[in-house]
Protein backbone atom coordinates (compact mmCIF):
# COMPACT_ATOMS: atom_id res chain seq x y z
CA UNK A 1 38.52 24.69 -7.19
CA UNK A 2 39.07 21.20 -8.95
CA UNK A 3 37.21 20.21 -11.82
CA UNK A 4 35.52 16.71 -11.49
CA UNK A 5 37.15 13.80 -13.37
CA UNK A 6 36.19 13.38 -16.67
CA UNK A 7 34.83 9.81 -15.89
CA UNK A 8 32.53 11.06 -13.46
CA UNK A 9 30.86 13.56 -15.47
CA UNK A 10 30.33 10.99 -18.31
CA UNK A 11 28.62 8.88 -15.47
CA UNK A 12 26.47 11.20 -14.12
CA UNK A 13 25.45 12.25 -17.83
CA UNK A 14 24.58 8.82 -18.33
CA UNK A 15 22.55 8.23 -15.37
CA UNK A 16 20.50 11.35 -16.26
CA UNK A 17 19.72 10.36 -19.62
CA UNK A 18 18.85 6.84 -18.53
CA UNK A 19 16.33 8.15 -16.24
CA UNK A 20 14.85 10.32 -19.07
CA UNK A 21 14.59 6.81 -21.27
CA UNK A 22 12.72 5.31 -18.15
CA UNK A 23 10.59 8.04 -17.76
CA UNK A 24 9.53 8.08 -21.47
CA UNK A 25 9.16 4.39 -21.75
CA UNK A 26 6.45 4.44 -18.71
CA UNK A 27 4.33 6.90 -20.62
CA UNK A 28 4.44 4.83 -23.59
CA UNK A 29 1.37 1.96 -23.95
CA UNK A 30 2.74 -1.42 -23.14
CA UNK A 31 0.41 -3.10 -25.47
CA UNK A 32 0.80 -1.96 -29.24
CA UNK A 33 -2.91 -2.79 -30.40
CA UNK A 34 -4.50 -0.65 -27.61
CA UNK A 35 -6.07 2.37 -28.81
CA UNK A 36 -4.76 5.93 -28.06
CA UNK A 37 -7.42 6.48 -25.51
CA UNK A 38 -6.66 3.23 -23.62
CA UNK A 39 -6.67 3.79 -19.56
CA UNK A 40 -2.91 2.90 -19.21
CA UNK A 41 -1.67 5.99 -21.22
CA UNK A 42 -4.32 8.14 -19.01
CA UNK A 43 -3.48 9.64 -15.85
CA UNK A 44 -4.95 8.03 -12.43
CA UNK A 45 -7.03 10.54 -10.45
CA UNK A 46 -4.68 12.83 -8.62
CA UNK A 47 -5.14 15.05 -5.72
CA UNK A 48 -6.36 18.16 -7.91
CA UNK A 49 -8.83 15.61 -9.07
CA UNK A 50 -10.12 14.43 -5.39
CA UNK A 51 -10.47 18.10 -4.77
CA UNK A 52 -12.72 18.84 -7.91
CA UNK A 53 -14.76 16.01 -7.02
CA UNK A 54 -15.29 17.44 -3.47
CA UNK A 55 -17.35 20.34 -4.76
CA UNK A 56 -19.87 18.23 -6.47
CA UNK A 57 -20.39 15.82 -3.69
CA UNK A 58 -20.93 18.79 -1.04
CA UNK A 59 -23.37 20.08 -3.17
CA UNK A 60 -25.23 16.79 -3.63
CA UNK A 61 -25.05 16.56 0.30
CA UNK A 62 -26.79 19.93 0.94
CA UNK A 63 -29.68 19.30 -1.94
CA UNK A 64 -30.45 15.72 -0.32
CA UNK A 65 -30.17 17.32 3.23
CA UNK A 66 -32.62 20.29 1.86
CA UNK A 67 -35.05 17.66 0.40
CA UNK A 68 -35.20 15.59 3.70
CA UNK A 69 -35.45 18.74 6.01
CA UNK A 70 -38.49 20.36 3.82
CA UNK A 71 -40.74 16.91 3.74
CA UNK A 72 -40.04 16.68 7.41
CA UNK A 73 -41.71 19.82 7.97
CA UNK A 74 -44.48 19.13 5.04
CA UNK A 75 -47.91 17.37 5.66
CA UNK A 76 -46.69 14.52 3.66
CA UNK A 77 -44.39 13.05 6.80
CA UNK A 78 -47.17 11.51 8.61
CA UNK A 79 -48.72 10.04 5.45
CA UNK A 80 -45.36 8.39 4.37
CA UNK A 81 -44.67 7.25 7.77
CA UNK A 82 -47.65 4.97 7.86
CA UNK A 83 -47.11 3.52 4.31
CA UNK A 84 -46.44 -0.27 4.61
CA UNK A 85 -43.88 0.05 1.26
CA UNK A 86 -42.04 2.39 3.41
CA UNK A 87 -41.84 0.75 6.86
CA UNK A 88 -42.50 -2.79 8.61
CA UNK A 89 -43.37 -4.16 12.01
CA UNK A 90 -39.55 -4.36 12.61
CA UNK A 91 -38.62 -0.96 11.28
CA UNK A 92 -41.44 1.92 12.00
CA UNK A 93 -40.69 4.59 13.93
CA UNK A 94 -43.99 4.75 15.97
CA UNK A 95 -43.39 1.28 17.39
CA UNK A 96 -39.64 2.53 18.67
CA UNK A 97 -41.47 5.48 20.23
CA UNK A 98 -43.80 2.80 22.00
CA UNK A 99 -40.88 0.77 23.15
CA UNK A 100 -39.35 3.92 24.45
CA UNK A 101 -42.45 4.81 26.35
CA UNK A 102 -42.55 1.29 27.89
CA UNK A 103 -39.00 1.62 28.85
CA UNK A 104 -39.62 4.81 30.35
CA UNK A 105 -42.34 3.39 32.53
CA UNK A 106 -40.14 0.63 33.68
CA UNK A 107 -41.65 -2.09 31.76
CA UNK A 108 -39.57 -4.22 29.29
CA UNK A 109 -40.48 -3.06 25.67
CA UNK A 110 -40.80 -6.53 24.80
CA UNK A 111 -43.41 -7.09 27.13
CA UNK A 112 -46.38 -6.95 24.31
CA UNK A 113 -46.05 -7.54 20.76
CA UNK A 114 -45.41 -3.84 19.44
CA UNK A 115 -41.48 -3.31 19.47
CA UNK A 116 -39.30 -5.75 17.74
CA UNK A 117 -36.02 -3.57 17.32
CA UNK A 118 -32.79 -4.79 19.20
CA UNK A 119 -32.02 -3.32 22.41
CA UNK A 120 -29.12 -1.20 21.22
CA UNK A 121 -31.51 0.74 19.03
CA UNK A 122 -33.80 1.68 21.71
CA UNK A 123 -31.07 2.60 23.98
CA UNK A 124 -29.61 4.79 21.15
CA UNK A 125 -33.10 6.49 20.48
CA UNK A 126 -33.26 6.78 24.30
CA UNK A 127 -30.86 9.69 24.21
CA UNK A 128 -31.42 10.73 20.82
CA UNK A 129 -35.17 10.82 20.34
CA UNK A 130 -35.17 14.50 20.40
CA UNK A 131 -33.02 14.82 17.35
CA UNK A 132 -34.47 11.62 15.45
CA UNK A 133 -34.72 13.80 12.08
CA UNK A 134 -30.89 14.75 12.26
CA UNK A 135 -30.00 11.18 13.09
CA UNK A 136 -31.86 9.68 10.32
CA UNK A 137 -30.44 12.06 7.68
CA UNK A 138 -26.72 11.83 8.95
CA UNK A 139 -27.29 7.85 8.55
CA UNK A 140 -28.02 8.67 4.83
CA UNK A 141 -25.23 10.91 4.51
CA UNK A 142 -23.00 8.22 6.09
CA UNK A 143 -24.31 5.86 3.33
CA UNK A 144 -23.75 8.12 0.66
CA UNK A 145 -20.28 9.12 1.64
CA UNK A 146 -18.92 5.53 2.58
CA UNK A 147 -20.67 4.29 -1.03
CA UNK A 148 -18.34 7.32 -2.67
CA UNK A 149 -15.21 5.82 -1.20
CA UNK A 150 -16.15 2.09 -1.59
CA UNK A 151 -16.54 2.68 -5.22
CA UNK A 152 -13.33 4.97 -5.43
CA UNK A 153 -11.32 1.94 -3.95
CA UNK A 154 -13.13 -0.61 -5.69
CA UNK A 155 -11.99 1.18 -9.16
CA UNK A 156 -8.30 1.46 -8.06
CA UNK A 157 -8.45 -2.17 -7.77
CA UNK A 158 -10.23 -2.82 -11.18
CA UNK A 159 -7.61 -0.29 -12.65
CA UNK A 160 -4.69 -2.24 -11.25
CA UNK A 161 -6.14 -5.54 -12.31
CA UNK A 162 -6.73 -4.49 -16.12
CA UNK A 163 -3.29 -3.25 -15.95
CA UNK A 164 -1.62 -6.24 -15.01
CA UNK A 165 -4.01 -8.07 -17.45
CA UNK A 166 -2.84 -6.15 -20.45
CA UNK A 167 0.90 -6.32 -19.56
CA UNK A 168 0.44 -9.92 -19.51
CA UNK A 169 -1.61 -9.85 -22.78
CA UNK A 170 -4.36 -11.88 -21.41
CA UNK A 171 -7.03 -10.33 -23.25
CA UNK A 172 -7.94 -10.89 -27.15
CA UNK A 173 -7.59 -8.48 -29.69
CA UNK A 174 -10.83 -8.12 -30.60
CA UNK A 175 -12.46 -7.11 -26.89
CA UNK A 176 -10.13 -3.90 -25.92
CA UNK A 177 -13.51 -1.81 -26.38
CA UNK A 178 -14.55 -3.82 -23.08
CA UNK A 179 -11.96 -2.58 -21.28
CA UNK A 180 -12.79 0.25 -18.62
CA UNK A 181 -11.01 3.65 -18.58
CA UNK A 182 -10.30 6.12 -15.91
CA UNK A 183 -12.40 8.64 -17.90
CA UNK A 184 -15.72 6.61 -17.61
CA UNK A 185 -14.74 5.66 -14.01
CA UNK A 186 -13.89 9.22 -12.74
CA UNK A 187 -17.82 9.97 -12.03
CA UNK A 188 -19.00 6.30 -10.82
CA UNK A 189 -18.18 7.39 -7.00
CA UNK A 190 -20.10 10.41 -7.36
CA UNK A 191 -22.90 8.77 -9.26
CA UNK A 192 -23.11 5.82 -6.51
CA UNK A 193 -23.72 8.55 -4.01
CA UNK A 194 -26.51 10.46 -5.95
CA UNK A 195 -28.11 7.07 -6.75
CA UNK A 196 -28.65 6.58 -2.92
CA UNK A 197 -29.16 10.29 -1.85
CA UNK A 198 -31.55 10.89 -4.60
CA UNK A 199 -33.51 7.71 -4.99
CA UNK A 200 -37.15 8.28 -4.05
CA UNK A 201 -37.20 5.01 -1.99
CA UNK A 202 -34.13 6.31 0.10
CA UNK A 203 -36.01 9.67 0.57
CA UNK A 204 -39.06 8.16 1.86
CA UNK A 205 -37.45 5.71 4.33
CA UNK A 206 -35.69 8.87 5.76
CA UNK A 207 -38.63 10.67 6.14
CA UNK A 208 -40.56 8.08 7.51
CA UNK A 209 -37.61 7.61 10.04
CA UNK A 210 -37.60 3.74 9.20
CA UNK A 211 -34.79 2.24 11.29
CA UNK A 212 -33.81 0.60 7.67
CA UNK A 213 -31.75 3.63 7.27
CA UNK A 214 -29.68 2.70 10.39
CA UNK A 215 -29.10 -0.87 9.08
CA UNK A 216 -28.32 0.60 5.59
CA UNK A 217 -25.51 3.02 7.21
CA UNK A 218 -24.05 -0.31 9.22
CA UNK A 219 -23.95 -2.20 5.90
CA UNK A 220 -21.99 0.68 3.68
CA UNK A 221 -19.48 1.05 6.79
CA UNK A 222 -19.00 -2.78 6.74
CA UNK A 223 -18.52 -2.43 2.69
CA UNK A 224 -16.06 0.27 3.27
CA UNK A 225 -14.22 -1.45 6.00
CA UNK A 226 -14.20 -4.51 3.67
CA UNK A 227 -12.82 -2.51 0.53
CA UNK A 228 -10.26 -0.87 2.78
CA UNK A 229 -8.92 -4.45 3.81
CA UNK A 230 -9.62 -3.52 7.61
CA UNK A 231 -10.21 -7.10 8.84
CA UNK A 232 -11.16 -6.32 12.43
CA UNK A 233 -13.75 -3.54 11.48
CA UNK A 234 -15.13 -5.46 8.75
CA UNK A 235 -15.80 -7.99 11.34
CA UNK A 236 -17.21 -5.97 13.62
CA UNK A 237 -19.62 -3.90 11.23
CA UNK A 238 -20.64 -7.15 9.85
CA UNK A 239 -21.71 -8.52 13.62
CA UNK A 240 -23.43 -5.40 13.82
CA UNK A 241 -25.41 -5.69 10.74
CA UNK A 242 -26.35 -9.23 11.67
CA UNK A 243 -27.36 -8.25 15.15
CA UNK A 244 -29.81 -5.78 13.61
CA UNK A 245 -31.61 -7.88 11.08
CA UNK A 246 -29.82 -11.41 10.97
CA UNK A 247 -29.74 -11.79 7.15
CA UNK A 248 -26.30 -9.89 6.59
CA UNK A 249 -24.78 -12.82 7.73
CA UNK A 250 -24.75 -14.06 4.32
CA UNK A 251 -22.37 -11.26 3.42
CA UNK A 252 -19.25 -12.77 5.16
CA UNK A 253 -18.34 -14.77 2.19
CA UNK A 254 -18.08 -11.92 -0.05
CA UNK A 255 -15.82 -10.40 2.60
CA UNK A 256 -13.81 -13.24 3.09
CA UNK A 257 -13.44 -13.70 -0.51
CA UNK A 258 -12.52 -9.96 -0.95
CA UNK A 259 -9.99 -9.63 2.05
CA UNK A 260 -8.27 -12.59 0.92
CA UNK A 261 -7.64 -11.48 -2.64
CA UNK A 262 -6.53 -8.25 -1.27
CA UNK A 263 -3.75 -10.18 0.96
CA UNK A 264 -3.03 -12.50 -1.74
CA UNK A 265 -4.12 -15.54 0.18
CA UNK A 266 -5.07 -18.44 -2.26
CA UNK A 267 -8.68 -19.33 -2.32
CA UNK A 268 -7.93 -23.14 -1.88
CA UNK A 269 -9.67 -25.30 0.78
CA UNK A 270 -6.50 -27.49 0.88
CA UNK A 271 -4.19 -24.82 1.97
CA UNK A 272 -3.69 -24.19 5.84
CA UNK A 273 -3.18 -20.43 5.22
CA UNK A 274 -6.79 -20.55 3.83
CA UNK A 275 -8.66 -21.56 6.99
CA UNK A 276 -6.31 -19.83 9.45
CA UNK A 277 -7.52 -16.73 7.70
CA UNK A 278 -11.33 -18.00 7.73
CA UNK A 279 -10.98 -18.68 11.34
CA UNK A 280 -9.46 -15.38 12.35
CA UNK A 281 -12.21 -13.52 10.56
CA UNK A 282 -14.70 -15.88 12.24
CA UNK A 283 -13.29 -15.34 15.83
CA UNK A 284 -13.55 -11.59 15.41
CA UNK A 285 -17.11 -11.86 13.88
CA UNK A 286 -18.45 -14.34 16.24
CA UNK A 287 -16.74 -12.29 19.26
CA UNK A 288 -18.10 -9.14 18.45
CA UNK A 289 -21.61 -10.55 17.88
CA UNK A 290 -21.17 -12.43 21.15
CA UNK A 291 -20.27 -8.87 22.73
CA UNK A 292 -23.33 -7.27 21.33
CA UNK A 293 -25.73 -9.90 22.65
CA UNK A 294 -24.06 -9.97 26.06
CA UNK A 295 -24.69 -5.89 26.15
CA UNK A 296 -28.33 -6.46 25.38
CA UNK A 297 -28.76 -8.84 28.15
CA UNK A 298 -26.89 -6.70 30.36
CA UNK A 299 -29.04 -3.66 29.52
CA UNK A 300 -32.25 -5.18 29.64
CA UNK A 301 -31.48 -7.92 32.42
CA UNK A 302 -33.55 -10.60 30.32
CA UNK A 303 -33.21 -12.83 27.21
CA UNK A 304 -36.77 -11.14 26.04
CA UNK A 305 -35.49 -9.78 23.08
CA UNK A 306 -34.24 -12.97 21.37
CA UNK A 307 -37.79 -14.17 20.57
CA UNK A 308 -39.11 -10.74 20.08
CA UNK A 309 -36.73 -9.83 17.61
CA UNK A 310 -34.95 -13.02 15.82
CA UNK A 311 -37.98 -15.35 16.66
CA UNK A 312 -40.27 -12.67 14.93
CA UNK A 313 -37.82 -12.05 11.85
CA UNK A 314 -38.16 -16.27 11.26
CA UNK A 315 -41.55 -17.18 12.26
CA UNK A 316 -43.07 -14.24 10.58
CA UNK A 317 -46.29 -14.00 12.90
CA UNK A 318 -47.32 -10.36 11.70
CA UNK A 319 -48.73 -10.71 8.42
CA UNK A 320 -49.05 -6.88 7.64
CA UNK A 321 -49.16 -6.27 4.02
CA UNK A 322 -45.83 -5.32 2.81
CA UNK A 323 -43.80 -5.35 -0.67
CA UNK A 324 -42.36 -8.98 0.55
CA UNK A 325 -43.62 -12.25 -0.58
CA UNK A 326 -44.53 -14.01 2.87
CA UNK A 327 -47.49 -12.01 4.03
CA UNK A 328 -50.05 -13.05 1.53
CA UNK A 329 -49.01 -16.41 1.18
CA UNK A 330 -48.93 -17.33 5.08
CA UNK A 331 -52.21 -15.77 5.35
CA UNK A 332 -53.67 -18.24 3.01
CA UNK A 333 -51.62 -21.24 4.43
CA UNK A 334 -53.02 -24.19 6.39
CA UNK A 335 -51.55 -24.08 9.99
CA UNK A 336 -50.16 -27.52 9.59
CA UNK A 337 -47.90 -26.65 6.47
CA UNK A 338 -46.79 -23.57 8.07
CA UNK A 339 -43.64 -24.67 9.64
CA UNK A 340 -42.41 -26.37 6.18
CA UNK A 341 -42.96 -23.77 4.04
CA UNK A 342 -41.61 -21.04 6.68
CA UNK A 343 -38.50 -23.18 6.22
CA UNK A 344 -38.73 -23.33 2.51
CA UNK A 345 -39.06 -19.40 2.16
CA UNK A 346 -36.51 -18.42 4.71
CA UNK A 347 -33.81 -20.63 3.31
CA UNK A 348 -34.29 -18.84 -0.01
CA UNK A 349 -31.72 -16.14 1.21
CA UNK A 350 -29.07 -18.58 2.25
CA UNK A 351 -29.35 -21.54 -0.44
CA UNK A 352 -27.84 -19.04 -2.92
CA UNK A 353 -24.73 -18.06 -0.94
CA UNK A 354 -22.55 -21.13 -1.73
CA UNK A 355 -23.20 -21.61 -5.77
CA UNK A 356 -22.86 -17.69 -6.15
CA UNK A 357 -19.39 -17.63 -3.94
CA UNK A 358 -18.21 -20.40 -6.59
CA UNK A 359 -19.45 -18.63 -9.63
CA UNK A 360 -18.08 -15.33 -8.51
CA UNK A 361 -15.11 -16.29 -5.99
CA UNK A 362 -12.81 -13.88 -8.41
CA UNK A 363 -15.54 -10.97 -8.30
CA UNK A 364 -16.68 -10.48 -4.19
CA UNK A 365 -18.08 -7.18 -4.81
CA UNK A 366 -20.48 -8.07 -7.25
CA UNK A 367 -21.16 -11.09 -5.25
CA UNK A 368 -21.90 -8.93 -2.42
CA UNK A 369 -24.26 -6.86 -4.76
CA UNK A 370 -26.27 -10.24 -5.50
CA UNK A 371 -26.70 -10.98 -1.96
CA UNK A 372 -27.98 -7.73 -0.79
CA UNK A 373 -30.28 -8.04 -4.02
CA UNK A 374 -31.20 -11.45 -3.01
CA UNK A 375 -31.94 -10.20 0.86
CA UNK A 376 -33.92 -7.33 -0.26
CA UNK A 377 -36.58 -9.59 -2.23
CA UNK A 378 -36.74 -12.51 0.20
CA UNK A 379 -36.51 -11.50 3.38
CA UNK A 380 -39.72 -11.60 5.68
CA UNK A 381 -40.16 -7.77 6.14
CA UNK A 382 -38.82 -5.87 3.34
CA UNK A 383 -39.01 -2.26 2.68
CA UNK A 384 -38.09 0.19 -0.33
CA UNK A 385 -35.20 1.22 1.71
CA UNK A 386 -33.71 -2.32 1.23
CA UNK A 387 -33.89 -1.67 -2.60
CA UNK A 388 -32.23 1.71 -2.24
CA UNK A 389 -29.15 -0.05 -1.06
CA UNK A 390 -28.31 -2.56 -3.62
CA UNK A 391 -29.63 0.12 -6.39
CA UNK A 392 -26.68 2.38 -5.21
CA UNK A 393 -24.44 -0.37 -6.66
CA UNK A 394 -25.99 0.00 -10.32
CA UNK A 395 -23.58 2.64 -11.36
CA UNK A 396 -20.72 0.70 -10.75
CA UNK A 397 -21.86 -1.59 -13.49
CA UNK A 398 -22.58 0.93 -16.15
CA UNK A 399 -20.01 -0.79 -18.35
CA UNK A 400 -22.46 -3.72 -18.65
CA UNK A 401 -25.39 -1.71 -20.39
CA UNK A 402 -24.67 -3.11 -23.89
CA UNK A 403 -24.91 -6.70 -22.59
CA UNK A 404 -28.34 -6.01 -20.72
CA UNK A 405 -31.59 -7.20 -22.37
CA UNK A 406 -34.43 -6.32 -20.17
CA UNK A 407 -33.78 -2.62 -19.21
CA UNK A 408 -36.75 -0.83 -20.37
CA UNK A 409 -39.05 -3.81 -19.24
CA UNK A 410 -37.86 -3.98 -15.75
CA UNK A 411 -37.80 0.13 -15.57
CA UNK A 412 -41.23 0.29 -16.57
CA UNK A 413 -42.64 -2.47 -14.30
CA UNK A 414 -40.71 -0.80 -11.38
CA UNK A 415 -42.16 2.53 -12.08
CA UNK A 416 -45.76 1.22 -12.92
CA UNK A 417 -45.66 -0.90 -9.42
CA UNK A 418 -44.48 2.15 -7.45
CA UNK A 419 -47.29 4.05 -8.58
CA UNK A 420 -49.62 1.85 -8.33
CA UNK A 421 -48.86 0.94 -4.57
CA UNK A 422 -50.66 3.54 -3.00
CA UNK A 423 -53.63 3.46 -5.44
CA UNK A 424 -54.65 -0.35 -4.89
CA UNK A 425 -54.11 0.10 -1.24
CA UNK A 426 -56.66 2.85 -1.25
CA UNK A 427 -58.96 0.57 -3.54
CA UNK A 428 -58.51 -2.02 -0.69
CA UNK A 429 -58.47 -0.43 2.63
CA UNK A 430 -60.17 2.90 2.16
CA UNK A 431 -62.69 2.55 -0.94
CA UNK A 432 -63.46 -0.95 -0.16
CA UNK A 433 -64.06 -1.83 -3.82
CA UNK A 434 -60.73 -4.15 -4.10
CA UNK A 435 -59.33 -6.69 -2.06
CA UNK A 436 -55.99 -8.22 -0.87
CA UNK A 437 -55.48 -9.88 -4.23
CA UNK A 438 -55.17 -6.82 -5.94
CA UNK A 439 -52.33 -5.57 -3.62
CA UNK A 440 -50.46 -8.80 -3.70
CA UNK A 441 -50.44 -9.04 -7.57
CA UNK A 442 -48.60 -5.56 -7.85
CA UNK A 443 -46.36 -6.67 -4.81
CA UNK A 444 -45.64 -10.15 -7.18
CA UNK A 445 -44.89 -7.96 -10.18
CA UNK A 446 -42.45 -5.65 -8.36
CA UNK A 447 -40.21 -8.67 -6.89
CA UNK A 448 -40.44 -10.28 -10.37
CA UNK A 449 -39.23 -6.97 -11.65
CA UNK A 450 -36.33 -7.18 -9.08
CA UNK A 451 -35.43 -10.67 -10.15
CA UNK A 452 -35.38 -9.61 -13.64
CA UNK A 453 -33.22 -7.00 -12.69
CA UNK A 454 -30.58 -8.89 -10.64
CA UNK A 455 -30.80 -11.67 -13.08
CA UNK A 456 -30.25 -9.78 -16.05
CA UNK A 457 -27.05 -8.25 -14.57
CA UNK A 458 -25.78 -11.43 -13.41
CA UNK A 459 -26.10 -12.21 -17.14
CA UNK A 460 -24.49 -9.34 -18.50
CA UNK A 461 -21.46 -9.40 -15.75
CA UNK A 462 -20.71 -13.14 -16.77
CA UNK A 463 -21.07 -12.46 -20.57
CA UNK A 464 -18.70 -9.70 -20.34
CA UNK A 465 -16.22 -11.97 -18.30
CA UNK A 466 -16.59 -14.68 -21.06
CA UNK A 467 -15.93 -12.04 -23.75
CA UNK A 468 -12.90 -10.86 -21.95
CA UNK A 469 -11.34 -14.32 -22.47
CA UNK A 470 -12.56 -15.66 -25.55
CA UNK A 471 -13.06 -13.00 -27.45
CA UNK A 472 -15.96 -10.43 -28.29
CA UNK A 473 -16.78 -12.04 -31.57
CA UNK A 474 -16.22 -15.79 -31.04
CA UNK A 475 -16.42 -18.21 -34.07
CA UNK A 476 -17.49 -21.39 -34.54
CA UNK A 477 -15.36 -24.38 -36.15
CA UNK A 478 -16.87 -23.59 -39.44
CA UNK A 479 -15.66 -19.88 -39.13
CA UNK A 480 -19.43 -18.71 -38.78
CA UNK A 481 -20.32 -16.24 -35.71
CA UNK A 482 -21.12 -18.14 -32.58
CA UNK A 483 -24.13 -17.23 -30.37
CA UNK A 484 -23.65 -17.50 -26.48
CA UNK A 485 -26.40 -19.06 -24.30
CA UNK A 486 -26.27 -18.82 -20.50
CA UNK A 487 -26.98 -21.99 -18.92
């Protein structure tokens, strides 16, 4: 056997040593000013970590299912299903049952003024009405699991962006304490699932069998498809969400911005690639929506569902009290002013989309969070299930806690209003010792609390982004510490 040439041996040894040096360099922090706990030096979650996270998630799902199953069998189920905070004329289960009864008799479910859900919903439950409880529990599980993976994927994107920013030395020296680490981000997906599954608002909506649970499931699947970069599924689920409740139309801007960033398409109205991408997404979205509307027509054989569903949402003819802002205002409204103020109220949801998209064009997930919150506040028939959906985002923004200003106040307002809703309803409807003003007052406080919550998170988010660019402790020209003012 002949020995290899000495040059060959030296070459192999040199290659081996170079590989060891490269590996050692990769483990060294590229930014010398970072503390030893910086996120680059820490390992990203591996397969073993994913396996460890599966057990808590499974346990959480078991607990959530057990709570819902127990409440379904309790005497509270009927009382919860009648609460105007939990169900609305659009989402009430008893109205779905009434529509199914009319359908079985061969009468159009939209013949009267009872059923206002979409045709696909009534045909969906035509086959699953005996398994309604399981269906609503599964809807909540879908939302929780979808949120788990949405947050997980979003954290990966945040991790990658921060790594590039640190390597490019874009952050000031005094703001590295604002940088997020994998250690603090590790349990956020599980917290998001927990915030949704164990939120009392979610549990009440599920036990009441509010169809809002199904709408939340569709929106969560839209979010999952978007963060995974699947443009077709994103457009289909967004079309389904719009078909169900109309208002999710505003979420298309956030989805477009996120998908463009993921595919490295510049957000520039003067670029052909920008408009070509918008046209592709619009074609898939509108095409899916048209298919759903056409399928509804073929199932019913008429267009009766259009005024009964979308006309009902936009014109707000049913002024049953709820946690929204419409019912009391339009009950007191003179008829000749109704159309004008109806347009003003409805445009509230859509008018914020463009300015928010301009301000948050680099942060589409936060934009979607803002839009979901605005929808839940200003929609014509809101329920607590709508609030639970955007509250599931709050663990994602846990790093903004140091900049929040009204956490205690908002928490007290939300808890107080949640407790007083049934009390004031009883005083008004049952005892007769109060009137509509009492109930609307607590509704108004509840919505103000939501507005304070959303605006506080918006302020905190913008302030953190400002510090990441200009430093945590900005100085005036004379060297004194500057005070930030949000204008």
